[in-house]
Amino acid sequence: MNPQDVIESYVVEVMRRVPGKEKERNEIGLELRDLLVEMLAERAQTAGKPADDAMVLAMLKDFGTPTDIAGRYHAPGAVIIPAAQTRSFAVLAIGGVALQWALTLPAVFGGQPWVAWWFSWGLGAFWWPGLMVMSALVAVGARRVGWWQPVWRPRVVDPDRVDRPIMLVGLVWFVLGVALMVSLPWIAPKLPGPLAQVFAFDEGFLSQRAWPVLLLWGASFALEVAAYVQGRWSTSMRRWSVALSLAWIALLVWWMTAGAMFQAKATDDGASGALALVVLVIVVELGCRLYRRRPSMHPPRMAG
């Protein structure tokens, strides 16, 4: 097979994958064949020898597969994951699977068979990226039928400014939630029926691992109040907020891995799962704060 036959075969493969009428495909094929013949002639001239099979095959390999070339003539389809969101989508998907594996792999080291783990939590952890993909597909379908269209809105000019009315409501709920959680060890034994056993805390947890939460609650509340009084978040406050987020992650992971929190195993497993989701939310929110900084524009420097 001479180089011209190789080019003809390549062009035919491309034309088979190109949509449209026969006349349009023929025009594309003729233009593509002329382009490849010209490229091969330039390569032969540069190499200082006649074109052969090895030269034309190397050129076509650099040019791309027939499927790739034909794809350039297809109308653009619906974009499921925009290019700008690919990295965050991948990080969130992989992070969700890794978190589920990290929480369930200790059972394997404790004696659970690898096969049983793999066909339960191992493969089962992939529900999370599947859910993300299906959610993206639903969003694309909704946009195509006109049910929902994204609308651009200007961002807040000063992201460090505090919305005091909303923040005040948040502080009130913060106090009520902390009060409920602190009083729960005394409320649980007085609950009617089996609820007292369901929500009974492990004594070792209360005496050894629960107390640091009071320090973090106090520090978080003080930081929120300081931002409320000042009316904005300062640089030092942002740094303290990041430090507190890391401290919360460390505390919750310690709670989940150092022993039981509740006496009832079902309650303890449910609490561990809930805390794992809280850790995931904190990690995602912290990542957004660290990596999605507001871009700034600077005037060009004047020469001289």
Protein backbone atom coordinates (compact mmCIF):
# COMPACT_ATOMS: atom_id res chain seq x y z
CA MET A 1 0.00 0.00 0.00
CA ASN A 2 1.49 3.31 -1.08
CA PRO A 3 1.16 6.54 0.96
CA GLN A 4 -1.69 7.82 -1.24
CA ASP A 5 -3.72 4.68 -0.52
CA VAL A 6 -3.11 5.11 3.22
CA ILE A 7 -4.43 8.68 3.06
CA GLU A 8 -7.47 7.57 1.05
CA SER A 9 -8.25 4.86 3.60
CA TYR A 10 -7.88 7.35 6.44
CA VAL A 11 -10.19 9.90 4.78
CA VAL A 12 -12.84 7.22 4.14
CA GLU A 13 -12.77 6.28 7.84
CA VAL A 14 -13.31 9.92 8.77
CA MET A 15 -16.17 10.37 6.28
CA ARG A 16 -18.00 7.33 7.70
CA ARG A 17 -18.16 9.08 11.07
CA VAL A 18 -19.13 12.54 9.83
CA PRO A 19 -22.85 13.39 10.01
CA GLY A 20 -24.75 15.14 7.24
CA LYS A 21 -25.62 14.58 3.59
CA GLU A 22 -23.47 12.69 1.13
CA LYS A 23 -22.51 15.85 -0.74
CA GLU A 24 -21.32 17.55 2.43
CA ARG A 25 -19.28 14.51 3.45
CA ASN A 26 -17.66 14.37 0.03
CA GLU A 27 -16.64 18.00 0.27
CA ILE A 28 -15.14 17.37 3.69
CA GLY A 29 -13.32 14.30 2.39
CA LEU A 30 -11.82 16.18 -0.58
CA GLU A 31 -10.63 19.06 1.61
CA LEU A 32 -9.17 16.66 4.16
CA ARG A 33 -7.40 14.59 1.50
CA ASP A 34 -5.83 17.67 -0.09
CA LEU A 35 -4.68 18.88 3.33
CA LEU A 36 -3.08 15.55 4.19
CA VAL A 37 -1.38 15.23 0.81
CA GLU A 38 0.09 18.70 1.25
CA MET A 39 1.26 17.89 4.78
CA LEU A 40 2.90 14.68 3.60
CA ALA A 41 4.70 16.51 0.81
CA GLU A 42 6.08 19.02 3.31
CA ARG A 43 7.31 16.20 5.55
CA ALA A 44 8.99 14.44 2.65
CA GLN A 45 10.68 17.67 1.61
CA THR A 46 11.88 18.30 5.16
CA ALA A 47 13.17 14.72 5.48
CA GLY A 48 14.86 14.94 2.07
CA LYS A 49 13.44 11.62 0.84
CA PRO A 50 10.28 10.30 -0.87
CA ALA A 51 7.26 9.65 1.32
CA ASP A 52 6.79 6.05 2.43
CA ASP A 53 4.35 4.09 4.57
CA ALA A 54 6.21 4.79 7.80
CA MET A 55 6.19 8.54 7.15
CA VAL A 56 2.48 8.74 6.33
CA LEU A 57 1.53 6.57 9.32
CA ALA A 58 3.58 8.79 11.66
CA MET A 59 1.90 11.88 10.20
CA LEU A 60 -1.60 10.43 10.65
CA LYS A 61 -0.77 9.40 14.20
CA ASP A 62 0.18 12.99 14.99
CA PHE A 63 -2.89 14.30 13.16
CA GLY A 64 -5.35 12.25 15.21
CA THR A 65 -7.61 9.22 14.94
CA PRO A 66 -10.52 9.26 12.45
CA THR A 67 -12.93 9.38 15.38
CA ASP A 68 -11.23 12.46 16.82
CA ILE A 69 -11.18 14.24 13.46
CA ALA A 70 -14.80 13.39 12.71
CA GLY A 71 -15.78 14.74 16.12
CA ARG A 72 -14.75 18.22 14.98
CA TYR A 73 -17.57 18.19 12.43
CA HIS A 74 -20.28 17.18 14.91
CA ALA A 75 -22.56 19.81 16.35
CA PRO A 76 -21.70 20.49 19.99
CA GLY A 77 -23.88 18.44 22.33
CA ALA A 78 -25.11 19.16 25.81
CA VAL A 79 -22.30 19.81 28.29
CA ILE A 80 -22.86 17.77 31.44
CA ILE A 81 -19.92 19.08 33.49
CA PRO A 82 -18.63 22.51 32.36
CA ALA A 83 -14.88 22.65 31.89
CA ALA A 84 -14.51 25.27 34.62
CA GLN A 85 -16.18 22.92 37.12
CA THR A 86 -14.37 19.70 36.14
CA ARG A 87 -11.66 20.00 38.77
CA SER A 88 -14.02 20.74 41.66
CA PHE A 89 -16.38 17.98 40.48
CA ALA A 90 -13.54 15.45 40.42
CA VAL A 91 -12.21 16.52 43.84
CA LEU A 92 -15.67 16.31 45.40
CA ALA A 93 -16.43 12.94 43.80
CA ILE A 94 -13.09 11.35 44.73
CA GLY A 95 -13.21 12.92 48.18
CA GLY A 96 -16.65 11.44 48.88
CA VAL A 97 -15.52 7.95 47.91
CA ALA A 98 -12.28 8.29 49.89
CA LEU A 99 -14.17 9.43 52.98
CA GLN A 100 -16.51 6.43 52.87
CA TRP A 101 -13.56 4.07 52.42
CA ALA A 102 -11.66 5.71 55.28
CA LEU A 103 -14.64 5.23 57.60
CA THR A 104 -15.26 1.59 56.64
CA LEU A 105 -11.77 0.18 56.04
CA PRO A 106 -10.98 -0.08 59.79
CA ALA A 107 -13.50 -2.94 59.90
CA VAL A 108 -11.33 -4.82 57.38
CA PHE A 109 -8.25 -4.39 59.56
CA GLY A 110 -10.36 -5.57 62.47
CA GLY A 111 -11.07 -8.92 60.81
CA GLN A 112 -13.83 -8.36 58.24
CA PRO A 113 -13.03 -10.21 54.96
CA TRP A 114 -11.82 -8.03 52.11
CA VAL A 115 -14.32 -9.58 49.72
CA ALA A 116 -17.26 -8.79 51.99
CA TRP A 117 -16.06 -5.20 52.38
CA TRP A 118 -15.45 -4.73 48.65
CA PHE A 119 -18.91 -5.93 47.63
CA SER A 120 -20.55 -3.79 50.32
CA TRP A 121 -18.82 -0.50 51.13
CA GLY A 122 -16.01 -0.82 48.59
CA LEU A 123 -18.19 -0.76 45.50
CA GLY A 124 -21.10 0.82 47.34
CA ALA A 125 -19.11 4.03 47.90
CA PHE A 126 -19.46 4.81 44.20
CA TRP A 127 -23.10 5.78 44.78
CA TRP A 128 -21.76 9.26 45.55
CA PRO A 129 -20.15 10.10 42.15
CA GLY A 130 -23.13 8.37 40.51
CA LEU A 131 -25.49 10.69 42.37
CA MET A 132 -23.40 13.69 41.32
CA VAL A 133 -23.50 12.65 37.65
CA MET A 134 -27.26 12.00 37.73
CA SER A 135 -27.84 15.37 39.38
CA ALA A 136 -25.82 17.04 36.62
CA LEU A 137 -27.84 15.17 33.97
CA VAL A 138 -31.11 16.29 35.56
CA ALA A 139 -29.86 19.89 35.59
CA VAL A 140 -28.88 19.67 31.90
CA GLY A 141 -32.30 18.24 31.01
CA ALA A 142 -34.08 20.97 32.96
CA ARG A 143 -32.13 23.65 31.11
CA ARG A 144 -32.83 22.09 27.70
CA VAL A 145 -36.60 22.08 28.25
CA GLY A 146 -36.52 25.58 29.70
CA TRP A 147 -37.47 24.70 33.28
CA TRP A 148 -34.39 26.31 34.73
CA GLN A 149 -31.87 28.67 33.23
CA PRO A 150 -28.86 29.98 35.17
CA VAL A 151 -28.95 33.73 35.63
CA TRP A 152 -25.87 35.77 36.36
CA ARG A 153 -26.07 38.07 39.34
CA PRO A 154 -23.32 40.38 40.56
CA ARG A 155 -21.41 39.17 43.56
CA VAL A 156 -21.29 41.09 46.79
CA VAL A 157 -18.85 43.94 46.31
CA ASP A 158 -17.50 43.57 49.84
CA PRO A 159 -17.53 39.85 50.78
CA ASP A 160 -16.15 40.63 54.25
CA ARG A 161 -19.18 42.73 55.21
CA VAL A 162 -21.54 41.08 57.72
CA ASP A 163 -25.31 40.96 57.23
CA ARG A 164 -26.16 41.71 60.84
CA PRO A 165 -29.90 40.76 60.88
CA ILE A 166 -29.20 37.33 59.38
CA MET A 167 -26.14 36.85 61.55
CA LEU A 168 -28.15 37.72 64.68
CA VAL A 169 -30.68 35.01 63.85
CA GLY A 170 -27.80 32.58 63.36
CA LEU A 171 -26.31 33.49 66.74
CA VAL A 172 -29.66 32.89 68.46
CA TRP A 173 -29.98 29.46 66.88
CA PHE A 174 -26.35 28.78 67.78
CA VAL A 175 -27.09 29.40 71.46
CA LEU A 176 -30.27 27.29 71.41
CA GLY A 177 -28.53 24.39 69.65
CA VAL A 178 -25.57 24.42 72.03
CA ALA A 179 -27.91 24.57 75.03
CA LEU A 180 -29.80 21.53 73.73
CA MET A 181 -26.64 19.51 73.06
CA VAL A 182 -25.11 20.37 76.45
CA SER A 183 -28.27 19.38 78.33
CA LEU A 184 -28.82 16.18 76.28
CA PRO A 185 -26.81 13.91 78.64
CA TRP A 186 -29.20 14.93 81.44
CA ILE A 187 -32.33 14.89 79.28
CA ALA A 188 -31.72 11.45 77.71
CA PRO A 189 -32.14 9.36 80.89
CA LYS A 190 -35.53 11.00 81.51
CA LEU A 191 -36.95 10.22 78.07
CA PRO A 192 -39.92 7.82 78.06
CA GLY A 193 -39.71 4.14 77.12
CA PRO A 194 -36.77 2.84 75.10
CA LEU A 195 -35.69 6.36 74.08
CA ALA A 196 -33.63 6.60 77.26
CA GLN A 197 -31.50 3.64 76.12
CA VAL A 198 -31.40 4.79 72.50
CA PHE A 199 -29.91 8.20 73.38
CA ALA A 200 -27.79 7.11 76.35
CA PHE A 201 -24.22 8.40 76.00
CA ASP A 202 -21.17 6.25 76.59
CA GLU A 203 -19.67 7.18 79.96
CA GLY A 204 -16.13 7.11 78.64
CA PHE A 205 -17.09 9.50 75.86
CA LEU A 206 -18.63 12.02 78.26
CA SER A 207 -15.74 11.91 80.72
CA GLN A 208 -12.80 11.83 78.31
CA ARG A 209 -13.67 13.03 74.80
CA ALA A 210 -16.70 15.33 75.00
CA TRP A 211 -15.24 18.26 76.93
CA PRO A 212 -13.18 19.87 74.07
CA VAL A 213 -16.42 20.69 72.26
CA LEU A 214 -17.21 23.29 74.91
CA LEU A 215 -13.97 25.12 74.11
CA LEU A 216 -14.66 25.06 70.37
CA TRP A 217 -18.25 26.18 70.84
CA GLY A 218 -17.08 29.05 73.03
CA ALA A 219 -14.35 30.11 70.60
CA SER A 220 -16.69 29.89 67.59
CA PHE A 221 -19.38 31.92 69.35
CA ALA A 222 -16.87 34.57 70.44
CA LEU A 223 -15.55 34.88 66.88
CA GLU A 224 -19.05 35.26 65.45
CA VAL A 225 -19.93 37.91 68.05
CA ALA A 226 -16.73 39.82 67.30
CA ALA A 227 -17.57 39.85 63.58
CA TYR A 228 -21.13 40.95 64.39
CA VAL A 229 -19.94 43.84 66.57
CA GLN A 230 -17.29 44.95 64.07
CA GLY A 231 -19.66 44.57 61.13
CA ARG A 232 -17.15 42.78 58.94
CA TRP A 233 -14.62 39.95 58.88
CA SER A 234 -11.03 41.09 59.30
CA THR A 235 -8.01 39.16 58.03
CA SER A 236 -7.16 37.90 61.51
CA MET A 237 -10.76 36.75 62.02
CA ARG A 238 -10.63 34.80 58.76
CA ARG A 239 -7.46 33.09 59.91
CA TRP A 240 -9.02 32.20 63.26
CA SER A 241 -12.06 30.86 61.41
CA VAL A 242 -9.84 28.56 59.33
CA ALA A 243 -8.04 27.39 62.49
CA LEU A 244 -11.36 26.63 64.17
CA SER A 245 -12.57 24.69 61.14
CA LEU A 246 -9.44 22.52 61.26
CA ALA A 247 -9.95 22.04 65.00
CA TRP A 248 -13.55 20.94 64.43
CA ILE A 249 -12.43 18.42 61.80
CA ALA A 250 -9.80 17.00 64.17
CA LEU A 251 -12.29 16.74 67.04
CA LEU A 252 -15.03 15.05 65.02
CA VAL A 253 -12.61 12.56 63.46
CA TRP A 254 -11.31 11.79 66.97
CA TRP A 255 -14.84 11.17 68.17
CA MET A 256 -15.57 8.82 65.29
CA THR A 257 -12.38 6.78 65.58
CA ALA A 258 -11.52 6.68 69.32
CA GLY A 259 -14.51 4.67 70.53
CA ALA A 260 -18.24 4.62 71.03
CA MET A 261 -20.19 7.82 71.64
CA PHE A 262 -23.54 6.18 72.48
CA GLN A 263 -24.24 2.94 74.31
CA ALA A 264 -26.62 1.64 71.63
CA LYS A 265 -24.67 0.47 68.57
CA ALA A 266 -27.34 1.57 66.08
CA THR A 267 -27.38 5.08 67.58
CA ASP A 268 -23.59 5.20 67.61
CA ASP A 269 -23.37 4.12 63.95
CA GLY A 270 -25.94 6.75 62.97
CA ALA A 271 -24.06 9.43 64.90
CA SER A 272 -20.78 8.44 63.21
CA GLY A 273 -22.40 8.69 59.78
CA ALA A 274 -23.87 12.10 60.62
CA LEU A 275 -20.51 13.37 61.87
CA ALA A 276 -18.83 12.08 58.70
CA LEU A 277 -21.21 14.20 56.62
CA VAL A 278 -20.51 17.19 58.88
CA VAL A 279 -16.76 16.70 58.34
CA LEU A 280 -17.31 16.54 54.59
CA VAL A 281 -19.33 19.77 54.66
CA ILE A 282 -16.63 21.52 56.73
CA VAL A 283 -13.89 20.32 54.36
CA VAL A 284 -15.79 21.51 51.28
CA GLU A 285 -16.65 24.85 52.86
CA LEU A 286 -13.06 25.32 54.01
CA GLY A 287 -11.77 24.47 50.54
CA CYS A 288 -14.08 27.07 49.01
CA ARG A 289 -12.77 29.71 51.40
CA LEU A 290 -9.13 28.88 50.73
CA TYR A 291 -9.17 28.42 46.96
CA ARG A 292 -12.02 30.59 45.68
CA ARG A 293 -10.55 33.94 46.45
CA ARG A 294 -11.99 37.04 44.88
CA PRO A 295 -9.88 37.99 41.82
CA SER A 296 -8.43 41.47 41.80
CA MET A 297 -7.37 43.66 38.91
CA HIS A 298 -4.30 45.83 39.00
CA PRO A 299 -3.51 48.68 36.61
CA PRO A 300 -0.56 48.02 34.29
CA ARG A 301 2.76 49.46 35.32
CA MET A 302 3.86 52.53 33.46
CA ALA A 303 7.11 52.16 31.55
CA GLY A 304 10.04 54.32 32.52
